[in-house]
Amino acid sequence: MTQIHCRTVKIGGSIGIILPKEIVRKDDIKPNQELSVEIKKQLKVRDVFGMFPEWKADTQKLKNEARKGWD
């Protein structure tokens, strides 16, 4: 199994992915061949902010804890 990161492209009314030629050669992929694809959408940092509202921490407390070992 080969894992790659790729970007989607609009093809007519659909969305597709383009496989790099190195992967096509390495895995001997032919036109009209059936493939199994696992979709995992990558999160962006901005999507993560606000996901855990109960994790509110006082920033001054965090800075003080980080400085404890500096003395």
PDB file of N, CA and C in Angstrom:
ATOM      1  N   MET A   1       0.847  -1.180   0.000  1.00  0.00           N
ATOM      2  CA  MET A   1       0.000   0.000   0.000  1.00  0.00           C
ATOM      3  C   MET A   1       0.891   1.241   0.000  1.00  0.00           C
ATOM      4  N   THR A   2       0.541   2.195  -0.812  1.00  0.00           N
ATOM      5  CA  THR A   2       1.275   3.452  -0.901  1.00  0.00           C
ATOM      6  C   THR A   2       0.398   4.569  -0.363  1.00  0.00           C
ATOM      7  N   GLN A   3       0.976   5.428   0.465  1.00  0.00           N
ATOM      8  CA  GLN A   3       0.230   6.567   0.995  1.00  0.00           C
ATOM      9  C   GLN A   3       0.814   7.841   0.394  1.00  0.00           C
ATOM     10  N   ILE A   4      -0.066   8.680  -0.149  1.00  0.00           N
ATOM     11  CA  ILE A   4       0.378   9.949  -0.724  1.00  0.00           C
ATOM     12  C   ILE A   4      -0.523  11.072  -0.214  1.00  0.00           C
ATOM     13  N   HIS A   5      -0.027  12.274  -0.285  1.00  0.00           N
ATOM     14  CA  HIS A   5      -0.831  13.455  -0.008  1.00  0.00           C
ATOM     15  C   HIS A   5      -1.057  14.139  -1.342  1.00  0.00           C
ATOM     16  N   CYS A   6      -2.311  14.467  -1.634  1.00  0.00           N
ATOM     17  CA  CYS A   6      -2.604  15.082  -2.917  1.00  0.00           C
ATOM     18  C   CYS A   6      -3.679  16.141  -2.740  1.00  0.00           C
ATOM     19  N   ARG A   7      -3.892  16.884  -3.771  1.00  0.00           N
ATOM     20  CA  ARG A   7      -4.873  17.963  -3.764  1.00  0.00           C
ATOM     21  C   ARG A   7      -5.980  17.598  -4.754  1.00  0.00           C
ATOM     22  N   THR A   8      -7.205  17.958  -4.412  1.00  0.00           N
ATOM     23  CA  THR A   8      -8.321  17.667  -5.306  1.00  0.00           C
ATOM     24  C   THR A   8      -8.366  18.687  -6.442  1.00  0.00           C
ATOM     25  N   VAL A   9      -8.944  18.268  -7.555  1.00  0.00           N
ATOM     26  CA  VAL A   9      -9.125  19.159  -8.712  1.00  0.00           C
ATOM     27  C   VAL A   9     -10.557  19.003  -9.218  1.00  0.00           C
ATOM     28  N   LYS A  10     -11.105  20.084  -9.757  1.00  0.00           N
ATOM     29  CA  LYS A  10     -12.451  20.039 -10.315  1.00  0.00           C
ATOM     30  C   LYS A  10     -12.349  19.538 -11.756  1.00  0.00           C
ATOM     31  N   ILE A  11     -13.126  18.494 -12.060  1.00  0.00           N
ATOM     32  CA  ILE A  11     -13.156  17.917 -13.400  1.00  0.00           C
ATOM     33  C   ILE A  11     -14.623  17.862 -13.811  1.00  0.00           C
ATOM     34  N   GLY A  12     -15.046  18.821 -14.618  1.00  0.00           N
ATOM     35  CA  GLY A  12     -16.456  18.911 -14.981  1.00  0.00           C
ATOM     36  C   GLY A  12     -17.275  19.217 -13.742  1.00  0.00           C
ATOM     37  N   GLY A  13     -18.272  18.382 -13.461  1.00  0.00           N
ATOM     38  CA  GLY A  13     -19.098  18.559 -12.271  1.00  0.00           C
ATOM     39  C   GLY A  13     -18.616  17.726 -11.103  1.00  0.00           C
ATOM     40  N   SER A  14     -17.483  17.065 -11.253  1.00  0.00           N
ATOM     41  CA  SER A  14     -16.963  16.180 -10.210  1.00  0.00           C
ATOM     42  C   SER A  14     -15.676  16.739  -9.615  1.00  0.00           C
ATOM     43  N   ILE A  15     -15.212  16.067  -8.599  1.00  0.00           N
ATOM     44  CA  ILE A  15     -13.911  16.388  -8.003  1.00  0.00           C
ATOM     45  C   ILE A  15     -13.072  15.127  -8.105  1.00  0.00           C
ATOM     46  N   GLY A  16     -11.826  15.291  -8.522  1.00  0.00           N
ATOM     47  CA  GLY A  16     -10.948  14.135  -8.676  1.00  0.00           C
ATOM     48  C   GLY A  16      -9.592  14.407  -8.056  1.00  0.00           C
ATOM     49  N   ILE A  17      -8.787  13.372  -8.045  1.00  0.00           N
ATOM     50  CA  ILE A  17      -7.406  13.517  -7.595  1.00  0.00           C
ATOM     51  C   ILE A  17      -6.489  13.064  -8.720  1.00  0.00           C
ATOM     52  N   ILE A  18      -5.329  13.658  -8.759  1.00  0.00           N
ATOM     53  CA  ILE A  18      -4.332  13.293  -9.765  1.00  0.00           C
ATOM     54  C   ILE A  18      -3.241  12.499  -9.049  1.00  0.00           C
ATOM     55  N   LEU A  19      -2.943  11.318  -9.552  1.00  0.00           N
ATOM     56  CA  LEU A  19      -1.878  10.506  -8.976  1.00  0.00           C
ATOM     57  C   LEU A  19      -0.548  10.879  -9.617  1.00  0.00           C
ATOM     58  N   PRO A  20       0.474  11.130  -8.818  1.00  0.00           N
ATOM     59  CA  PRO A  20       1.787  11.452  -9.389  1.00  0.00           C
ATOM     60  C   PRO A  20       2.327  10.292 -10.227  1.00  0.00           C
ATOM     61  N   LYS A  21       3.017  10.635 -11.313  1.00  0.00           N
ATOM     62  CA  LYS A  21       3.487   9.584 -12.232  1.00  0.00           C
ATOM     63  C   LYS A  21       4.443   8.610 -11.550  1.00  0.00           C
ATOM     64  N   GLU A  22       5.193   9.080 -10.537  1.00  0.00           N
ATOM     65  CA  GLU A  22       6.108   8.176  -9.829  1.00  0.00           C
ATOM     66  C   GLU A  22       5.331   7.052  -9.127  1.00  0.00           C
ATOM     67  N   ILE A  23       4.183   7.409  -8.555  1.00  0.00           N
ATOM     68  CA  ILE A  23       3.345   6.419  -7.866  1.00  0.00           C
ATOM     69  C   ILE A  23       2.709   5.482  -8.883  1.00  0.00           C
ATOM     70  N   VAL A  24       2.248   6.048  -9.995  1.00  0.00           N
ATOM     71  CA  VAL A  24       1.632   5.232 -11.053  1.00  0.00           C
ATOM     72  C   VAL A  24       2.627   4.194 -11.557  1.00  0.00           C
ATOM     73  N   ARG A  25       3.864   4.616 -11.769  1.00  0.00           N
ATOM     74  CA  ARG A  25       4.907   3.673 -12.238  1.00  0.00           C
ATOM     75  C   ARG A  25       5.249   2.647 -11.166  1.00  0.00           C
ATOM     76  N   LYS A  26       5.466   3.141  -9.943  1.00  0.00           N
ATOM     77  CA  LYS A  26       5.893   2.255  -8.850  1.00  0.00           C
ATOM     78  C   LYS A  26       4.855   1.166  -8.569  1.00  0.00           C
ATOM     79  N   ASP A  27       3.570   1.552  -8.547  1.00  0.00           N
ATOM     80  CA  ASP A  27       2.506   0.596  -8.226  1.00  0.00           C
ATOM     81  C   ASP A  27       1.868  -0.021  -9.472  1.00  0.00           C
ATOM     82  N   ASP A  28       2.428   0.285 -10.650  1.00  0.00           N
ATOM     83  CA  ASP A  28       1.950  -0.270 -11.921  1.00  0.00           C
ATOM     84  C   ASP A  28       0.433  -0.081 -12.082  1.00  0.00           C
ATOM     85  N   ILE A  29      -0.014   1.166 -11.930  1.00  0.00           N
ATOM     86  CA  ILE A  29      -1.436   1.483 -12.051  1.00  0.00           C
ATOM     87  C   ILE A  29      -1.754   1.752 -13.519  1.00  0.00           C
ATOM     88  N   LYS A  30      -2.819   1.121 -13.998  1.00  0.00           N
ATOM     89  CA  LYS A  30      -3.229   1.236 -15.398  1.00  0.00           C
ATOM     90  C   LYS A  30      -4.553   2.002 -15.499  1.00  0.00           C
ATOM     91  N   PRO A  31      -4.857   2.590 -16.667  1.00  0.00           N
ATOM     92  CA  PRO A  31      -6.153   3.253 -16.856  1.00  0.00           C
ATOM     93  C   PRO A  31      -7.306   2.277 -16.652  1.00  0.00           C
ATOM     94  N   ASN A  32      -8.398   2.774 -16.107  1.00  0.00           N
ATOM     95  CA  ASN A  32      -9.617   1.988 -15.847  1.00  0.00           C
ATOM     96  C   ASN A  32      -9.423   0.877 -14.825  1.00  0.00           C
ATOM     97  N   GLN A  33      -8.363   0.932 -14.069  1.00  0.00           N
ATOM     98  CA  GLN A  33      -8.131  -0.053 -13.016  1.00  0.00           C
ATOM     99  C   GLN A  33      -8.854   0.395 -11.752  1.00  0.00           C
ATOM    100  N   GLU A  34      -9.471  -0.533 -11.042  1.00  0.00           N
ATOM    101  CA  GLU A  34     -10.156  -0.186  -9.797  1.00  0.00           C
ATOM    102  C   GLU A  34      -9.144  -0.073  -8.673  1.00  0.00           C
ATOM    103  N   LEU A  35      -9.292   1.005  -7.877  1.00  0.00           N
ATOM    104  CA  LEU A  35      -8.417   1.240  -6.743  1.00  0.00           C
ATOM    105  C   LEU A  35      -9.264   1.429  -5.496  1.00  0.00           C
ATOM    106  N   SER A  36      -8.705   1.121  -4.353  1.00  0.00           N
ATOM    107  CA  SER A  36      -9.358   1.380  -3.081  1.00  0.00           C
ATOM    108  C   SER A  36      -8.705   2.626  -2.489  1.00  0.00           C
ATOM    109  N   VAL A  37      -9.524   3.625  -2.148  1.00  0.00           N
ATOM    110  CA  VAL A  37      -9.008   4.897  -1.662  1.00  0.00           C
ATOM    111  C   VAL A  37      -9.583   5.171  -0.278  1.00  0.00           C
ATOM    112  N   GLU A  38      -8.716   5.540   0.664  1.00  0.00           N
ATOM    113  CA  GLU A  38      -9.159   5.926   1.996  1.00  0.00           C
ATOM    114  C   GLU A  38      -9.073   7.448   2.078  1.00  0.00           C
ATOM    115  N   ILE A  39     -10.180   8.080   2.441  1.00  0.00           N
ATOM    116  CA  ILE A  39     -10.229   9.537   2.501  1.00  0.00           C
ATOM    117  C   ILE A  39     -10.005   9.993   3.940  1.00  0.00           C
ATOM    118  N   LYS A  40      -8.994  10.824   4.143  1.00  0.00           N
ATOM    119  CA  LYS A  40      -8.736  11.443   5.439  1.00  0.00           C
ATOM    120  C   LYS A  40      -8.479  12.911   5.190  1.00  0.00           C
ATOM    121  N   LYS A  41      -9.424  13.735   5.564  1.00  0.00           N
ATOM    122  CA  LYS A  41      -9.285  15.170   5.348  1.00  0.00           C
ATOM    123  C   LYS A  41      -8.318  15.725   6.382  1.00  0.00           C
ATOM    124  N   GLN A  42      -7.333  16.485   5.929  1.00  0.00           N
ATOM    125  CA  GLN A  42      -6.353  17.060   6.841  1.00  0.00           C
ATOM    126  C   GLN A  42      -6.924  18.309   7.487  1.00  0.00           C
ATOM    127  N   LEU A  43      -6.785  18.373   8.823  1.00  0.00           N
ATOM    128  CA  LEU A  43      -7.259  19.536   9.557  1.00  0.00           C
ATOM    129  C   LEU A  43      -6.281  20.688   9.422  1.00  0.00           C
ATOM    130  N   LYS A  44      -6.821  21.863   9.356  1.00  0.00           N
ATOM    131  CA  LYS A  44      -5.992  23.063   9.378  1.00  0.00           C
ATOM    132  C   LYS A  44      -6.002  23.586  10.801  1.00  0.00           C
ATOM    133  N   VAL A  45      -4.967  24.287  11.186  1.00  0.00           N
ATOM    134  CA  VAL A  45      -4.849  24.788  12.546  1.00  0.00           C
ATOM    135  C   VAL A  45      -6.060  25.636  12.926  1.00  0.00           C
ATOM    136  N   ARG A  46      -6.529  26.456  12.014  1.00  0.00           N
ATOM    137  CA  ARG A  46      -7.671  27.321  12.340  1.00  0.00           C
ATOM    138  C   ARG A  46      -8.935  26.517  12.631  1.00  0.00           C
ATOM    139  N   ASP A  47      -9.041  25.283  12.082  1.00  0.00           N
ATOM    140  CA  ASP A  47     -10.198  24.431  12.345  1.00  0.00           C
ATOM    141  C   ASP A  47     -10.165  23.860  13.760  1.00  0.00           C
ATOM    142  N   VAL A  48      -8.983  23.754  14.340  1.00  0.00           N
ATOM    143  CA  VAL A  48      -8.823  23.157  15.660  1.00  0.00           C
ATOM    144  C   VAL A  48      -9.210  24.137  16.766  1.00  0.00           C
ATOM    145  N   PHE A  49      -8.945  25.421  16.564  1.00  0.00           N
ATOM    146  CA  PHE A  49      -9.264  26.411  17.582  1.00  0.00           C
ATOM    147  C   PHE A  49     -10.760  26.400  17.879  1.00  0.00           C
ATOM    148  N   GLY A  50     -11.081  26.367  19.153  1.00  0.00           N
ATOM    149  CA  GLY A  50     -12.468  26.372  19.587  1.00  0.00           C
ATOM    150  C   GLY A  50     -13.095  25.003  19.675  1.00  0.00           C
ATOM    151  N   MET A  51     -12.361  23.941  19.340  1.00  0.00           N
ATOM    152  CA  MET A  51     -12.919  22.595  19.403  1.00  0.00           C
ATOM    153  C   MET A  51     -13.098  22.120  20.842  1.00  0.00           C
ATOM    154  N   PHE A  52     -12.280  22.642  21.762  1.00  0.00           N
ATOM    155  CA  PHE A  52     -12.326  22.194  23.149  1.00  0.00           C
ATOM    156  C   PHE A  52     -12.521  23.400  24.073  1.00  0.00           C
ATOM    157  N   PRO A  53     -13.727  23.950  24.132  1.00  0.00           N
ATOM    158  CA  PRO A  53     -13.931  25.156  24.942  1.00  0.00           C
ATOM    159  C   PRO A  53     -13.695  24.935  26.428  1.00  0.00           C
ATOM    160  N   GLU A  54     -13.816  23.698  26.900  1.00  0.00           N
ATOM    161  CA  GLU A  54     -13.598  23.414  28.323  1.00  0.00           C
ATOM    162  C   GLU A  54     -12.114  23.426  28.693  1.00  0.00           C
ATOM    163  N   TRP A  55     -11.236  23.532  27.728  1.00  0.00           N
ATOM    164  CA  TRP A  55      -9.793  23.534  27.976  1.00  0.00           C
ATOM    165  C   TRP A  55      -9.244  24.954  28.110  1.00  0.00           C
ATOM    166  N   LYS A  56     -10.011  25.835  28.675  1.00  0.00           N
ATOM    167  CA  LYS A  56      -9.535  27.211  28.821  1.00  0.00           C
ATOM    168  C   LYS A  56      -8.506  27.257  29.939  1.00  0.00           C
ATOM    169  N   ALA A  57      -7.313  27.701  29.627  1.00  0.00           N
ATOM    170  CA  ALA A  57      -6.238  27.789  30.610  1.00  0.00           C
ATOM    171  C   ALA A  57      -5.774  29.233  30.691  1.00  0.00           C
ATOM    172  N   ASP A  58      -5.428  29.650  31.893  1.00  0.00           N
ATOM    173  CA  ASP A  58      -4.906  30.983  32.101  1.00  0.00           C
ATOM    174  C   ASP A  58      -3.491  31.028  31.526  1.00  0.00           C
ATOM    175  N   THR A  59      -3.257  31.905  30.564  1.00  0.00           N
ATOM    176  CA  THR A  59      -1.947  31.944  29.903  1.00  0.00           C
ATOM    177  C   THR A  59      -0.834  32.332  30.868  1.00  0.00           C
ATOM    178  N   GLN A  60      -1.132  33.200  31.827  1.00  0.00           N
ATOM    179  CA  GLN A  60      -0.102  33.567  32.801  1.00  0.00           C
ATOM    180  C   GLN A  60       0.302  32.355  33.639  1.00  0.00           C
ATOM    181  N   LYS A  61      -0.686  31.527  33.999  1.00  0.00           N
ATOM    182  CA  LYS A  61      -0.389  30.301  34.754  1.00  0.00           C
ATOM    183  C   LYS A  61       0.528  29.385  33.939  1.00  0.00           C
ATOM    184  N   LEU A  62       0.215  29.244  32.664  1.00  0.00           N
ATOM    185  CA  LEU A  62       1.026  28.392  31.792  1.00  0.00           C
ATOM    186  C   LEU A  62       2.456  28.916  31.696  1.00  0.00           C
ATOM    187  N   LYS A  63       2.611  30.232  31.566  1.00  0.00           N
ATOM    188  CA  LYS A  63       3.958  30.819  31.484  1.00  0.00           C
ATOM    189  C   LYS A  63       4.722  30.608  32.783  1.00  0.00           C
ATOM    190  N   ASN A  64       4.047  30.789  33.918  1.00  0.00           N
ATOM    191  CA  ASN A  64       4.699  30.589  35.215  1.00  0.00           C
ATOM    192  C   ASN A  64       5.167  29.146  35.382  1.00  0.00           C
ATOM    193  N   GLU A  65       4.336  28.183  34.958  1.00  0.00           N
ATOM    194  CA  GLU A  65       4.713  26.774  35.065  1.00  0.00           C
ATOM    195  C   GLU A  65       5.913  26.465  34.170  1.00  0.00           C
ATOM    196  N   ALA A  66       5.940  27.070  32.992  1.00  0.00           N
ATOM    197  CA  ALA A  66       7.041  26.829  32.058  1.00  0.00           C
ATOM    198  C   ALA A  66       8.343  27.405  32.597  1.00  0.00           C
ATOM    199  N   ARG A  67       8.270  28.481  33.350  1.00  0.00           N
ATOM    200  CA  ARG A  67       9.470  29.139  33.874  1.00  0.00           C
ATOM    201  C   ARG A  67      10.025  28.461  35.136  1.00  0.00           C
ATOM    202  N   LYS A  68       9.280  27.576  35.759  1.00  0.00           N
ATOM    203  CA  LYS A  68       9.706  26.949  37.018  1.00  0.00           C
ATOM    204  C   LYS A  68      11.095  26.317  36.901  1.00  0.00           C
ATOM    205  N   GLY A  69      11.368  25.664  35.818  1.00  0.00           N
ATOM    206  CA  GLY A  69      12.656  24.984  35.664  1.00  0.00           C
ATOM    207  C   GLY A  69      13.810  25.880  35.295  1.00  0.00           C
ATOM    208  N   TRP A  70      13.574  27.164  35.071  1.00  0.00           N
ATOM    209  CA  TRP A  70      14.628  28.076  34.622  1.00  0.00           C
ATOM    210  C   TRP A  70      15.452  28.639  35.759  1.00  0.00           C
ATOM    211  N   ASP A  71      15.028  28.474  36.999  1.00  0.00           N
ATOM    212  CA  ASP A  71      15.764  29.070  38.140  1.00  0.00           C
ATOM    213  C   ASP A  71      17.015  28.333  38.481  1.00  0.00           C
TER     214      ASP A  71
END
